[in-house]
Amino acid sequence: MLKRFIKHIYMNWHRRHIEYHIKKFKEFNLIFQNNDTVKLSTTVPGVYKFILSYNSDKKLNLRLLEMGFVPGVKLRVIKNTGKKGSIILRIKGSKIVLSNKITDKILVERK
């Protein structure tokens, strides 16, 4: 009984935490776009700052948030394999491979 109650409290907190960060994503708008802002799919190897995910559904935003994509976080593009390939990047100490379809929906800023 106690175990189920604790799980319920944790799941409620986790849901509110995720909703808060998704709301932050939506509040971030494209006014921050300048000459240094590009789609992640068009980047070359180097260090970038994550700005926002746009034109994506709630499920993708949630997944990106769980992987560590929060506004302002630094990420390093290790390899971009081109238009039909994928991008290998390092974020918060983890290597992640994302498809070009997903990276078309992510804006980053050159550091």
Protein backbone atom coordinates (compact mmCIF):
# COMPACT_ATOMS: atom_id res chain seq x y z
CA MET A 1 0.00 0.00 0.00
CA LEU A 2 2.75 2.45 0.99
CA LYS A 3 4.80 1.47 -2.06
CA ARG A 4 1.86 2.21 -4.37
CA PHE A 5 1.25 5.56 -2.63
CA ILE A 6 4.90 6.60 -3.06
CA LYS A 7 4.83 5.55 -6.71
CA HIS A 8 1.67 7.63 -7.23
CA ILE A 9 3.30 10.71 -5.66
CA TYR A 10 6.45 10.27 -7.75
CA MET A 11 4.51 9.83 -11.00
CA ASN A 12 2.43 12.93 -10.25
CA TRP A 13 5.58 14.96 -9.54
CA HIS A 14 7.29 13.60 -12.66
CA ARG A 15 4.30 14.50 -14.86
CA ARG A 16 4.19 18.06 -13.48
CA HIS A 17 7.96 18.40 -13.95
CA ILE A 18 7.74 17.33 -17.61
CA GLU A 19 4.72 19.59 -18.27
CA TYR A 20 6.63 22.55 -16.80
CA HIS A 21 9.57 22.03 -19.17
CA ILE A 22 7.28 21.51 -22.17
CA LYS A 23 5.59 24.81 -21.27
CA LYS A 24 9.05 26.43 -21.24
CA PHE A 25 9.65 25.02 -24.74
CA LYS A 26 6.43 26.62 -25.97
CA GLU A 27 7.28 29.96 -24.34
CA PHE A 28 10.59 29.94 -26.17
CA ASN A 29 9.75 31.46 -29.55
CA LEU A 30 11.61 32.31 -32.67
CA ILE A 31 12.48 35.90 -31.68
CA PHE A 32 15.82 34.51 -30.51
CA GLN A 33 16.58 33.54 -34.07
CA ASN A 34 19.59 35.38 -35.45
CA ASN A 35 22.39 34.71 -37.91
CA ASP A 36 23.99 32.15 -35.59
CA THR A 37 20.78 30.09 -35.24
CA VAL A 38 20.56 27.03 -37.50
CA LYS A 39 18.77 23.72 -37.72
CA LEU A 40 20.67 20.91 -36.06
CA SER A 41 20.50 18.91 -39.31
CA THR A 42 22.63 21.51 -41.14
CA THR A 43 25.42 21.80 -38.57
CA VAL A 44 29.08 20.89 -38.92
CA PRO A 45 31.07 19.34 -36.06
CA GLY A 46 31.50 21.79 -33.20
CA VAL A 47 29.90 23.14 -30.02
CA TYR A 48 26.36 24.53 -30.07
CA LYS A 49 23.71 25.72 -27.62
CA PHE A 50 20.24 24.15 -27.79
CA ILE A 51 17.51 26.76 -28.29
CA LEU A 52 14.21 25.01 -29.01
CA SER A 53 12.33 22.25 -30.73
CA TYR A 54 9.60 23.46 -33.09
CA ASN A 55 6.97 21.84 -35.33
CA SER A 56 7.12 18.75 -33.16
CA ASP A 57 4.49 16.91 -31.19
CA LYS A 58 4.28 16.62 -27.42
CA LYS A 59 5.73 13.10 -27.50
CA LEU A 60 8.92 14.22 -29.28
CA ASN A 61 9.33 17.22 -26.96
CA LEU A 62 9.01 14.91 -23.97
CA ARG A 63 11.56 12.47 -25.39
CA LEU A 64 14.03 15.27 -26.15
CA LEU A 65 13.59 16.63 -22.65
CA GLU A 66 14.31 13.20 -21.17
CA MET A 67 17.50 13.00 -23.25
CA GLY A 68 18.71 16.31 -21.80
CA PHE A 69 17.62 18.85 -24.41
CA VAL A 70 16.72 21.82 -22.21
CA PRO A 71 17.03 25.41 -23.46
CA GLY A 72 20.57 26.73 -23.08
CA VAL A 73 22.35 23.37 -22.69
CA LYS A 74 25.62 22.90 -24.58
CA LEU A 75 25.92 20.07 -27.07
CA ARG A 76 28.78 18.94 -29.28
CA VAL A 77 28.12 17.68 -32.79
CA ILE A 78 30.60 14.87 -33.40
CA LYS A 79 29.57 13.80 -36.89
CA ASN A 80 26.91 14.80 -39.42
CA THR A 81 26.46 12.10 -42.06
CA GLY A 82 24.47 14.23 -44.48
CA LYS A 83 20.89 14.78 -45.62
CA LYS A 84 19.65 11.20 -45.45
CA GLY A 85 21.84 10.05 -42.60
CA SER A 86 21.97 10.84 -38.93
CA ILE A 87 23.83 13.09 -36.52
CA ILE A 88 26.04 11.88 -33.69
CA LEU A 89 26.26 14.33 -30.81
CA ARG A 90 27.33 14.51 -27.19
CA ILE A 91 25.03 16.13 -24.64
CA LYS A 92 25.53 16.09 -20.87
CA GLY A 93 28.19 13.37 -21.13
CA SER A 94 26.09 11.00 -23.28
CA LYS A 95 26.47 10.16 -26.95
CA ILE A 96 23.20 10.36 -28.86
CA VAL A 97 22.39 9.52 -32.47
CA LEU A 98 19.39 11.34 -33.96
CA SER A 99 17.85 10.91 -37.39
CA ASN A 100 17.83 13.80 -39.81
CA LYS A 101 14.02 13.90 -39.64
CA ILE A 102 14.20 14.76 -35.92
CA THR A 103 17.14 17.15 -36.21
CA ASP A 104 15.23 19.20 -38.79
CA LYS A 105 12.93 20.21 -35.93
CA ILE A 106 15.67 21.40 -33.55
CA LEU A 107 17.22 24.88 -33.55
CA VAL A 108 20.69 25.45 -32.14
CA GLU A 109 22.99 28.45 -31.84
CA ARG A 110 26.72 28.38 -32.60
CA LYS A 111 28.79 28.89 -29.44
